[in-house]
Amino acid sequence: MALLERDSLLDQLAQGVTTAASGQGVLVLLTGEAGAGKTSVVREFEKRVGPKALVLWGACDPLTTPRPLSPLLDVLADPHSGLGHLAGSEQDRFALFAGFLDRLRVTSRPIVLVIEDVHWADDGTLDFLRFLGRRIEQTKSMAVCTYRDDEVGPHHPLRSVLGELASKGSTWRLAVPPLSVAAVQVLSQYPADEAAKLHSQTDGNAFFVTEVLAAGDHLPTSVQDAVLARVRRLGEGPRRIVEAVSIAPRELEIDFAKALAEVETADVDENLKVLVVARPPLEPKV
């Protein structure tokens, strides 16, 4: 599938590399809901930047017991990172953080450090973001941190980190928006009215749109699994709301949904914070 309506984001990321190469490093916070296409944007950016920069990848994971400093350990394991000598130093976090910072400072070409899914970051990784965000301006590198903004509520641990870095001129916030109706029509090759319906059913979520189109006339397993994975993270009350709404007509007033599921307003709010539900897809058009 083509990567549509992302040229502006890619241009801004390219500008970040140019700015970093001049000696003014930047920290990019790339946000968007689950399935918006954050990783696709960064992968395309990596292709476009080519040999102008060294791109290093690390990721946070939704583990019951998170691996401390997981994205940093991913980077240490990359032979291109030049950081292998720091392996085993995670017990001394200051030494590890300082080693990363030195590598980002002393480089012949900009380094792009990608840390994916920081909404799942452990405390150590959040401390690293604080450390790096306050110093990256002194480097010739760029850090790109992706996260799901729909999963970072007011009490989420990442929220305080975002607030602390917000005032830094070296912190850039970029958002990956949903696809427009026009983009959905290009991807689907549907007539305008059918493309609008597909857009309404998926809310323009890039993952849902592409998976529905690839699956044809049935709800793809990939979308079902993605939705169910999010439902499993809900508490009992929010799960009852999902079950009630899933068998209701197209629209259901909140008061009726609450009464049917026997839950409180807080349970509805919890769903709105963490859950995106795809409606059944259209039948494919020949």
C-alpha atoms as a PDB file:
ATOM      1  CA  MET A   1       0.000   0.000   0.000  1.00  0.00           C
ATOM      2  CA  ALA A   2       1.206   3.507  -0.814  1.00  0.00           C
ATOM      3  CA  LEU A   3       2.214   5.839   2.018  1.00  0.00           C
ATOM      4  CA  LEU A   4      -0.222   8.725   1.532  1.00  0.00           C
ATOM      5  CA  GLU A   5      -0.524  12.147   3.185  1.00  0.00           C
ATOM      6  CA  ARG A   6       2.779  11.786   5.022  1.00  0.00           C
ATOM      7  CA  ASP A   7       5.071  14.012   2.934  1.00  0.00           C
ATOM      8  CA  SER A   8       4.815  16.925   5.370  1.00  0.00           C
ATOM      9  CA  LEU A   9       5.882  14.696   8.267  1.00  0.00           C
ATOM     10  CA  LEU A  10       8.747  13.253   6.227  1.00  0.00           C
ATOM     11  CA  ASP A  11       9.903  16.746   5.284  1.00  0.00           C
ATOM     12  CA  GLN A  12       9.917  17.789   8.945  1.00  0.00           C
ATOM     13  CA  LEU A  13      11.915  14.709   9.924  1.00  0.00           C
ATOM     14  CA  ALA A  14      14.384  15.476   7.143  1.00  0.00           C
ATOM     15  CA  GLN A  15      14.676  19.017   8.492  1.00  0.00           C
ATOM     16  CA  GLY A  16      15.467  17.507  11.883  1.00  0.00           C
ATOM     17  CA  VAL A  17      18.476  15.714  10.425  1.00  0.00           C
ATOM     18  CA  THR A  18      19.651  18.924   8.771  1.00  0.00           C
ATOM     19  CA  THR A  19      19.289  20.810  12.043  1.00  0.00           C
ATOM     20  CA  ALA A  20      21.129  18.075  13.939  1.00  0.00           C
ATOM     21  CA  ALA A  21      23.955  18.043  11.390  1.00  0.00           C
ATOM     22  CA  SER A  22      24.509  21.731  12.093  1.00  0.00           C
ATOM     23  CA  GLY A  23      25.209  20.903  15.736  1.00  0.00           C
ATOM     24  CA  GLN A  24      21.765  21.477  17.216  1.00  0.00           C
ATOM     25  CA  GLY A  25      20.295  18.092  18.045  1.00  0.00           C
ATOM     26  CA  VAL A  26      16.545  17.570  18.346  1.00  0.00           C
ATOM     27  CA  LEU A  27      14.176  15.210  20.132  1.00  0.00           C
ATOM     28  CA  VAL A  28      11.121  14.375  18.031  1.00  0.00           C
ATOM     29  CA  LEU A  29       7.971  13.075  19.738  1.00  0.00           C
ATOM     30  CA  LEU A  30       5.993  11.318  17.008  1.00  0.00           C
ATOM     31  CA  THR A  31       2.456  10.660  18.179  1.00  0.00           C
ATOM     32  CA  GLY A  32      -0.635   8.981  16.832  1.00  0.00           C
ATOM     33  CA  GLU A  33      -3.214   6.365  17.747  1.00  0.00           C
ATOM     34  CA  ALA A  34      -2.512   2.647  17.412  1.00  0.00           C
ATOM     35  CA  GLY A  35      -2.467   1.828  13.704  1.00  0.00           C
ATOM     36  CA  ALA A  36      -1.925   5.420  12.558  1.00  0.00           C
ATOM     37  CA  GLY A  37       1.293   4.434  10.797  1.00  0.00           C
ATOM     38  CA  LYS A  38       4.033   5.891  13.007  1.00  0.00           C
ATOM     39  CA  THR A  39       6.480   3.072  12.283  1.00  0.00           C
ATOM     40  CA  SER A  40       5.724   3.254   8.557  1.00  0.00           C
ATOM     41  CA  VAL A  41       6.597   6.949   8.582  1.00  0.00           C
ATOM     42  CA  VAL A  42       9.893   6.350  10.353  1.00  0.00           C
ATOM     43  CA  ARG A  43      10.779   3.436   8.049  1.00  0.00           C
ATOM     44  CA  GLU A  44      10.124   5.612   4.999  1.00  0.00           C
ATOM     45  CA  PHE A  45      12.191   8.383   6.564  1.00  0.00           C
ATOM     46  CA  GLU A  46      15.052   5.910   7.082  1.00  0.00           C
ATOM     47  CA  LYS A  47      14.930   5.044   3.380  1.00  0.00           C
ATOM     48  CA  ARG A  48      14.959   8.682   2.329  1.00  0.00           C
ATOM     49  CA  VAL A  49      17.733   9.802   4.635  1.00  0.00           C
ATOM     50  CA  GLY A  50      19.969   7.053   3.202  1.00  0.00           C
ATOM     51  CA  PRO A  51      23.681   7.395   3.995  1.00  0.00           C
ATOM     52  CA  LYS A  52      23.272  10.926   5.365  1.00  0.00           C
ATOM     53  CA  ALA A  53      22.590   9.548   8.838  1.00  0.00           C
ATOM     54  CA  LEU A  54      23.065   6.394  10.890  1.00  0.00           C
ATOM     55  CA  VAL A  55      19.678   5.130  12.097  1.00  0.00           C
ATOM     56  CA  LEU A  56      19.629   3.011  15.262  1.00  0.00           C
ATOM     57  CA  TRP A  57      16.458   1.309  16.520  1.00  0.00           C
ATOM     58  CA  GLY A  58      15.214   0.307  19.947  1.00  0.00           C
ATOM     59  CA  ALA A  59      11.732  -0.523  21.230  1.00  0.00           C
ATOM     60  CA  CYS A  60       9.682  -0.745  24.405  1.00  0.00           C
ATOM     61  CA  ASP A  61       7.443  -3.780  24.868  1.00  0.00           C
ATOM     62  CA  PRO A  62       4.060  -4.362  26.582  1.00  0.00           C
ATOM     63  CA  LEU A  63       5.481  -6.969  28.937  1.00  0.00           C
ATOM     64  CA  THR A  64       3.954  -7.811  32.305  1.00  0.00           C
ATOM     65  CA  THR A  65       7.475  -7.418  33.689  1.00  0.00           C
ATOM     66  CA  PRO A  66       9.224  -4.941  31.375  1.00  0.00           C
ATOM     67  CA  ARG A  67      12.880  -5.491  30.565  1.00  0.00           C
ATOM     68  CA  PRO A  68      14.678  -2.499  32.130  1.00  0.00           C
ATOM     69  CA  LEU A  69      16.147  -0.117  29.543  1.00  0.00           C
ATOM     70  CA  SER A  70      14.940  -2.378  26.741  1.00  0.00           C
ATOM     71  CA  PRO A  71      15.393   0.080  23.827  1.00  0.00           C
ATOM     72  CA  LEU A  72      18.907   0.975  24.936  1.00  0.00           C
ATOM     73  CA  LEU A  73      19.865  -2.703  25.103  1.00  0.00           C
ATOM     74  CA  ASP A  74      18.489  -3.133  21.579  1.00  0.00           C
ATOM     75  CA  VAL A  75      20.836  -0.416  20.362  1.00  0.00           C
ATOM     76  CA  LEU A  76      23.826  -1.868  22.233  1.00  0.00           C
ATOM     77  CA  ALA A  77      23.248  -5.164  20.409  1.00  0.00           C
ATOM     78  CA  ASP A  78      23.472  -3.440  17.013  1.00  0.00           C
ATOM     79  CA  PRO A  79      27.073  -3.785  15.744  1.00  0.00           C
ATOM     80  CA  HIS A  80      26.686  -0.528  13.794  1.00  0.00           C
ATOM     81  CA  SER A  81      25.983   1.461  16.953  1.00  0.00           C
ATOM     82  CA  GLY A  82      29.576   1.632  18.152  1.00  0.00           C
ATOM     83  CA  LEU A  83      28.255   1.140  21.662  1.00  0.00           C
ATOM     84  CA  GLY A  84      29.051  -2.527  22.214  1.00  0.00           C
ATOM     85  CA  HIS A  85      31.613  -1.597  24.874  1.00  0.00           C
ATOM     86  CA  LEU A  86      28.735  -0.440  27.099  1.00  0.00           C
ATOM     87  CA  ALA A  87      27.114  -3.881  27.175  1.00  0.00           C
ATOM     88  CA  GLY A  88      26.683  -5.007  30.761  1.00  0.00           C
ATOM     89  CA  SER A  89      26.807  -1.447  32.114  1.00  0.00           C
ATOM     90  CA  GLU A  90      23.055  -1.135  32.660  1.00  0.00           C
ATOM     91  CA  GLN A  91      23.603  -1.527  36.405  1.00  0.00           C
ATOM     92  CA  ASP A  92      25.304   1.888  36.340  1.00  0.00           C
ATOM     93  CA  ARG A  93      22.666   3.952  34.603  1.00  0.00           C
ATOM     94  CA  PHE A  94      24.632   7.185  34.703  1.00  0.00           C
ATOM     95  CA  ALA A  95      27.572   5.552  32.925  1.00  0.00           C
ATOM     96  CA  LEU A  96      25.222   4.031  30.343  1.00  0.00           C
ATOM     97  CA  PHE A  97      23.395   7.315  29.725  1.00  0.00           C
ATOM     98  CA  ALA A  98      26.680   9.231  29.508  1.00  0.00           C
ATOM     99  CA  GLY A  99      28.049   6.680  27.051  1.00  0.00           C
ATOM    100  CA  PHE A 100      25.036   7.120  24.789  1.00  0.00           C
ATOM    101  CA  LEU A 101      25.333  10.894  24.975  1.00  0.00           C
ATOM    102  CA  ASP A 102      29.031  10.778  24.072  1.00  0.00           C
ATOM    103  CA  ARG A 103      28.232   8.621  21.040  1.00  0.00           C
ATOM    104  CA  LEU A 104      25.600  11.108  19.884  1.00  0.00           C
ATOM    105  CA  ARG A 105      28.061  13.968  20.306  1.00  0.00           C
ATOM    106  CA  VAL A 106      31.105  12.409  18.668  1.00  0.00           C
ATOM    107  CA  THR A 107      29.971  11.391  15.208  1.00  0.00           C
ATOM    108  CA  SER A 108      31.003  12.245  11.662  1.00  0.00           C
ATOM    109  CA  ARG A 109      27.398  12.091  10.450  1.00  0.00           C
ATOM    110  CA  PRO A 110      24.143  12.591  12.321  1.00  0.00           C
ATOM    111  CA  ILE A 111      22.780   9.678  14.321  1.00  0.00           C
ATOM    112  CA  VAL A 112      19.026   9.090  14.406  1.00  0.00           C
ATOM    113  CA  LEU A 113      18.064   7.191  17.552  1.00  0.00           C
ATOM    114  CA  VAL A 114      14.580   5.689  17.164  1.00  0.00           C
ATOM    115  CA  ILE A 115      12.793   4.541  20.315  1.00  0.00           C
ATOM    116  CA  GLU A 116       9.418   2.997  19.532  1.00  0.00           C
ATOM    117  CA  ASP A 117       6.345   2.756  21.759  1.00  0.00           C
ATOM    118  CA  VAL A 118       7.552   4.824  24.707  1.00  0.00           C
ATOM    119  CA  HIS A 119       4.031   4.612  26.177  1.00  0.00           C
ATOM    120  CA  TRP A 120       5.277   1.158  27.320  1.00  0.00           C
ATOM    121  CA  ALA A 121       8.617   2.444  28.624  1.00  0.00           C
ATOM    122  CA  ASP A 122       9.927   1.296  31.998  1.00  0.00           C
ATOM    123  CA  ASP A 123      11.091   3.819  34.591  1.00  0.00           C
ATOM    124  CA  GLY A 124      14.728   3.526  33.505  1.00  0.00           C
ATOM    125  CA  THR A 125      13.898   4.348  29.896  1.00  0.00           C
ATOM    126  CA  LEU A 126      11.783   7.314  31.003  1.00  0.00           C
ATOM    127  CA  ASP A 127      14.769   8.560  33.012  1.00  0.00           C
ATOM    128  CA  PHE A 128      16.916   8.219  29.876  1.00  0.00           C
ATOM    129  CA  LEU A 129      14.436  10.350  27.922  1.00  0.00           C
ATOM    130  CA  ARG A 130      14.641  13.021  30.627  1.00  0.00           C
ATOM    131  CA  PHE A 131      18.451  12.854  30.566  1.00  0.00           C
ATOM    132  CA  LEU A 132      18.697  12.916  26.777  1.00  0.00           C
ATOM    133  CA  GLY A 133      15.979  15.494  26.198  1.00  0.00           C
ATOM    134  CA  ARG A 134      17.802  18.048  28.342  1.00  0.00           C
ATOM    135  CA  ARG A 135      21.135  17.509  26.538  1.00  0.00           C
ATOM    136  CA  ILE A 136      20.444  16.457  22.964  1.00  0.00           C
ATOM    137  CA  GLU A 137      20.662  20.049  21.752  1.00  0.00           C
ATOM    138  CA  GLN A 138      24.418  19.786  22.392  1.00  0.00           C
ATOM    139  CA  THR A 139      24.779  16.901  19.929  1.00  0.00           C
ATOM    140  CA  LYS A 140      24.742  16.346  16.162  1.00  0.00           C
ATOM    141  CA  SER A 141      21.984  13.767  16.431  1.00  0.00           C
ATOM    142  CA  MET A 142      18.236  13.320  16.499  1.00  0.00           C
ATOM    143  CA  ALA A 143      16.078  11.085  18.681  1.00  0.00           C
ATOM    144  CA  VAL A 144      12.665  10.004  17.377  1.00  0.00           C
ATOM    145  CA  CYS A 145      10.329   8.637  20.043  1.00  0.00           C
ATOM    146  CA  THR A 146       6.990   7.191  18.976  1.00  0.00           C
ATOM    147  CA  TYR A 147       4.014   6.749  21.266  1.00  0.00           C
ATOM    148  CA  ARG A 148       0.261   6.245  21.212  1.00  0.00           C
ATOM    149  CA  ASP A 149      -1.251   9.495  22.369  1.00  0.00           C
ATOM    150  CA  ASP A 150      -4.608   7.784  22.934  1.00  0.00           C
ATOM    151  CA  GLU A 151      -3.005   5.613  25.632  1.00  0.00           C
ATOM    152  CA  VAL A 152      -1.237   8.384  27.547  1.00  0.00           C
ATOM    153  CA  GLY A 153      -3.804   9.739  29.976  1.00  0.00           C
ATOM    154  CA  PRO A 154      -3.211  12.452  32.604  1.00  0.00           C
ATOM    155  CA  HIS A 155      -1.812   9.939  35.121  1.00  0.00           C
ATOM    156  CA  HIS A 156       0.366   7.956  32.714  1.00  0.00           C
ATOM    157  CA  PRO A 157       4.084   7.911  33.704  1.00  0.00           C
ATOM    158  CA  LEU A 158       5.081   9.305  30.304  1.00  0.00           C
ATOM    159  CA  ARG A 159       2.903  12.371  30.799  1.00  0.00           C
ATOM    160  CA  SER A 160       5.284  13.975  33.311  1.00  0.00           C
ATOM    161  CA  VAL A 161       8.242  13.396  30.994  1.00  0.00           C
ATOM    162  CA  LEU A 162       6.407  15.087  28.134  1.00  0.00           C
ATOM    163  CA  GLY A 163       5.630  18.027  30.381  1.00  0.00           C
ATOM    164  CA  GLU A 164       9.231  18.369  31.501  1.00  0.00           C
ATOM    165  CA  LEU A 165      10.532  18.411  27.921  1.00  0.00           C
ATOM    166  CA  ALA A 166       7.754  20.555  26.433  1.00  0.00           C
ATOM    167  CA  SER A 167       9.531  23.858  27.060  1.00  0.00           C
ATOM    168  CA  LYS A 168      12.757  22.786  25.358  1.00  0.00           C
ATOM    169  CA  GLY A 169      13.246  24.355  21.952  1.00  0.00           C
ATOM    170  CA  SER A 170      14.960  21.147  20.850  1.00  0.00           C
ATOM    171  CA  THR A 171      11.766  19.132  21.470  1.00  0.00           C
ATOM    172  CA  TRP A 172       9.547  18.800  18.412  1.00  0.00           C
ATOM    173  CA  ARG A 173       6.070  17.279  18.490  1.00  0.00           C
ATOM    174  CA  LEU A 174       4.730  15.746  15.298  1.00  0.00           C
ATOM    175  CA  ALA A 175       1.393  13.968  14.957  1.00  0.00           C
ATOM    176  CA  VAL A 176       0.475  11.241  12.467  1.00  0.00           C
ATOM    177  CA  PRO A 177      -3.150  12.038  11.562  1.00  0.00           C
ATOM    178  CA  PRO A 178      -5.836   9.659  10.283  1.00  0.00           C
ATOM    179  CA  LEU A 179      -6.170   9.285   6.538  1.00  0.00           C
ATOM    180  CA  SER A 180      -8.605  11.573   4.777  1.00  0.00           C
ATOM    181  CA  VAL A 181     -11.532  10.350   2.699  1.00  0.00           C
ATOM    182  CA  ALA A 182      -9.541  11.261  -0.411  1.00  0.00           C
ATOM    183  CA  ALA A 183      -6.632   9.067   0.669  1.00  0.00           C
ATOM    184  CA  VAL A 184      -8.964   6.158   1.444  1.00  0.00           C
ATOM    185  CA  GLN A 185     -10.444   6.511  -2.019  1.00  0.00           C
ATOM    186  CA  VAL A 186      -6.988   6.378  -3.604  1.00  0.00           C
ATOM    187  CA  LEU A 187      -6.095   3.254  -1.610  1.00  0.00           C
ATOM    188  CA  SER A 188      -9.393   1.474  -2.175  1.00  0.00           C
ATOM    189  CA  GLN A 189     -10.205   2.615  -5.703  1.00  0.00           C
ATOM    190  CA  TYR A 190     -13.829   2.718  -4.509  1.00  0.00           C
ATOM    191  CA  PRO A 191     -16.368   5.248  -5.803  1.00  0.00           C
ATOM    192  CA  ALA A 192     -16.495   8.381  -3.664  1.00  0.00           C
ATOM    193  CA  ASP A 193     -19.568   7.368  -1.645  1.00  0.00           C
ATOM    194  CA  GLU A 194     -18.210   3.880  -0.859  1.00  0.00           C
ATOM    195  CA  ALA A 195     -14.810   5.313   0.073  1.00  0.00           C
ATOM    196  CA  ALA A 196     -16.560   7.709   2.452  1.00  0.00           C
ATOM    197  CA  LYS A 197     -18.337   4.774   4.091  1.00  0.00           C
ATOM    198  CA  LEU A 198     -15.087   2.870   4.494  1.00  0.00           C
ATOM    199  CA  HIS A 199     -13.505   5.968   5.991  1.00  0.00           C
ATOM    200  CA  SER A 200     -16.404   6.259   8.443  1.00  0.00           C
ATOM    201  CA  GLN A 201     -16.128   2.590   9.415  1.00  0.00           C
ATOM    202  CA  THR A 202     -12.391   2.768  10.105  1.00  0.00           C
ATOM    203  CA  ASP A 203     -12.128   6.418  11.197  1.00  0.00           C
ATOM    204  CA  GLY A 204      -9.331   6.750   8.660  1.00  0.00           C
ATOM    205  CA  ASN A 205      -7.038   4.514  10.721  1.00  0.00           C
ATOM    206  CA  ALA A 206      -4.312   3.481   8.265  1.00  0.00           C
ATOM    207  CA  PHE A 207      -3.900  -0.013   9.718  1.00  0.00           C
ATOM    208  CA  PHE A 208      -7.624  -0.766   9.686  1.00  0.00           C
ATOM    209  CA  VAL A 209      -8.069   0.606   6.171  1.00  0.00           C
ATOM    210  CA  THR A 210      -5.230  -1.418   4.656  1.00  0.00           C
ATOM    211  CA  GLU A 211      -6.136  -4.606   6.519  1.00  0.00           C
ATOM    212  CA  VAL A 212      -9.822  -4.387   5.566  1.00  0.00           C
ATOM    213  CA  LEU A 213      -8.913  -3.830   1.920  1.00  0.00           C
ATOM    214  CA  ALA A 214      -6.495  -6.757   1.952  1.00  0.00           C
ATOM    215  CA  ALA A 215      -9.041  -9.092   3.595  1.00  0.00           C
ATOM    216  CA  GLY A 216     -11.890  -8.524   1.163  1.00  0.00           C
ATOM    217  CA  ASP A 217     -15.437  -9.234   2.295  1.00  0.00           C
ATOM    218  CA  HIS A 218     -14.814 -10.326   5.885  1.00  0.00           C
ATOM    219  CA  LEU A 219     -13.439  -8.718   9.022  1.00  0.00           C
ATOM    220  CA  PRO A 220      -9.720  -9.577   8.939  1.00  0.00           C
ATOM    221  CA  THR A 221      -8.265 -11.588  11.797  1.00  0.00           C
ATOM    222  CA  SER A 222      -5.521  -8.995  12.203  1.00  0.00           C
ATOM    223  CA  VAL A 223      -8.082  -6.299  13.018  1.00  0.00           C
ATOM    224  CA  GLN A 224     -10.046  -8.594  15.333  1.00  0.00           C
ATOM    225  CA  ASP A 225      -6.859  -9.476  17.204  1.00  0.00           C
ATOM    226  CA  ALA A 226      -5.803  -5.836  17.484  1.00  0.00           C
ATOM    227  CA  VAL A 227      -9.168  -4.823  18.939  1.00  0.00           C
ATOM    228  CA  LEU A 228      -9.391  -7.805  21.300  1.00  0.00           C
ATOM    229  CA  ALA A 229      -5.865  -7.133  22.578  1.00  0.00           C
ATOM    230  CA  ARG A 230      -6.988  -3.667  23.604  1.00  0.00           C
ATOM    231  CA  VAL A 231     -10.203  -4.991  25.157  1.00  0.00           C
ATOM    232  CA  ARG A 232      -8.213  -7.423  27.302  1.00  0.00           C
ATOM    233  CA  ARG A 233      -6.368  -4.496  28.860  1.00  0.00           C
ATOM    234  CA  LEU A 234      -9.630  -2.973  30.092  1.00  0.00           C
ATOM    235  CA  GLY A 235     -11.079  -3.453  33.548  1.00  0.00           C
ATOM    236  CA  GLU A 236     -14.310  -5.354  34.161  1.00  0.00           C
ATOM    237  CA  GLY A 237     -16.595  -2.315  33.879  1.00  0.00           C
ATOM    238  CA  PRO A 238     -15.119  -0.990  30.621  1.00  0.00           C
ATOM    239  CA  ARG A 239     -15.224  -4.518  29.159  1.00  0.00           C
ATOM    240  CA  ARG A 240     -18.963  -4.717  29.904  1.00  0.00           C
ATOM    241  CA  ILE A 241     -19.446  -1.437  28.030  1.00  0.00           C
ATOM    242  CA  VAL A 242     -17.676  -2.913  24.981  1.00  0.00           C
ATOM    243  CA  GLU A 243     -19.828  -6.052  25.128  1.00  0.00           C
ATOM    244  CA  ALA A 244     -23.019  -3.987  25.364  1.00  0.00           C
ATOM    245  CA  VAL A 245     -22.106  -1.637  22.533  1.00  0.00           C
ATOM    246  CA  SER A 246     -20.916  -4.497  20.286  1.00  0.00           C
ATOM    247  CA  ILE A 247     -24.451  -5.929  20.056  1.00  0.00           C
ATOM    248  CA  ALA A 248     -26.243  -2.587  19.953  1.00  0.00           C
ATOM    249  CA  PRO A 249     -27.495  -0.702  16.877  1.00  0.00           C
ATOM    250  CA  ARG A 250     -25.227   1.717  15.040  1.00  0.00           C
ATOM    251  CA  GLU A 251     -25.598   4.370  17.724  1.00  0.00           C
ATOM    252  CA  LEU A 252     -26.304   3.977  21.424  1.00  0.00           C
ATOM    253  CA  GLU A 253     -26.803   6.834  23.859  1.00  0.00           C
ATOM    254  CA  ILE A 254     -24.256   6.841  26.675  1.00  0.00           C
ATOM    255  CA  ASP A 255     -26.943   6.722  29.362  1.00  0.00           C
ATOM    256  CA  PHE A 256     -28.503   3.634  27.751  1.00  0.00           C
ATOM    257  CA  ALA A 257     -25.090   1.974  27.409  1.00  0.00           C
ATOM    258  CA  LYS A 258     -24.336   2.633  31.078  1.00  0.00           C
ATOM    259  CA  ALA A 259     -27.670   1.235  32.179  1.00  0.00           C
ATOM    260  CA  LEU A 260     -27.376  -1.827  29.953  1.00  0.00           C
ATOM    261  CA  ALA A 261     -23.872  -2.649  31.172  1.00  0.00           C
ATOM    262  CA  GLU A 262     -24.540  -1.513  34.758  1.00  0.00           C
ATOM    263  CA  VAL A 263     -21.415   0.654  34.888  1.00  0.00           C
ATOM    264  CA  GLU A 264     -20.439   4.191  35.825  1.00  0.00           C
ATOM    265  CA  THR A 265     -19.359   7.169  33.717  1.00  0.00           C
ATOM    266  CA  ALA A 266     -15.717   6.507  34.640  1.00  0.00           C
ATOM    267  CA  ASP A 267     -15.914   3.147  32.848  1.00  0.00           C
ATOM    268  CA  VAL A 268     -17.096   4.879  29.677  1.00  0.00           C
ATOM    269  CA  ASP A 269     -14.264   7.411  29.972  1.00  0.00           C
ATOM    270  CA  GLU A 270     -11.755   4.565  30.281  1.00  0.00           C
ATOM    271  CA  ASN A 271     -12.968   3.122  26.979  1.00  0.00           C
ATOM    272  CA  LEU A 272     -12.662   6.469  25.241  1.00  0.00           C
ATOM    273  CA  LYS A 273      -9.051   6.737  26.416  1.00  0.00           C
ATOM    274  CA  VAL A 274      -7.732   3.350  25.325  1.00  0.00           C
ATOM    275  CA  LEU A 275     -10.063   1.667  22.860  1.00  0.00           C
ATOM    276  CA  VAL A 276     -10.497   2.005  19.119  1.00  0.00           C
ATOM    277  CA  VAL A 277     -13.070  -0.344  17.621  1.00  0.00           C
ATOM    278  CA  ALA A 278     -13.305  -1.049  13.890  1.00  0.00           C
ATOM    279  CA  ARG A 279     -16.790  -1.569  12.503  1.00  0.00           C
ATOM    280  CA  PRO A 280     -17.460  -4.394  10.003  1.00  0.00           C
ATOM    281  CA  PRO A 281     -15.947  -3.647   6.573  1.00  0.00           C
ATOM    282  CA  LEU A 282     -17.715  -2.967   3.353  1.00  0.00           C
ATOM    283  CA  GLU A 283     -18.008  -5.662   0.763  1.00  0.00           C
ATOM    284  CA  PRO A 284     -15.299  -5.164  -1.854  1.00  0.00           C
ATOM    285  CA  LYS A 285     -16.218  -3.417  -5.080  1.00  0.00           C
ATOM    286  CA  VAL A 286     -15.259  -4.981  -8.391  1.00  0.00           C
END
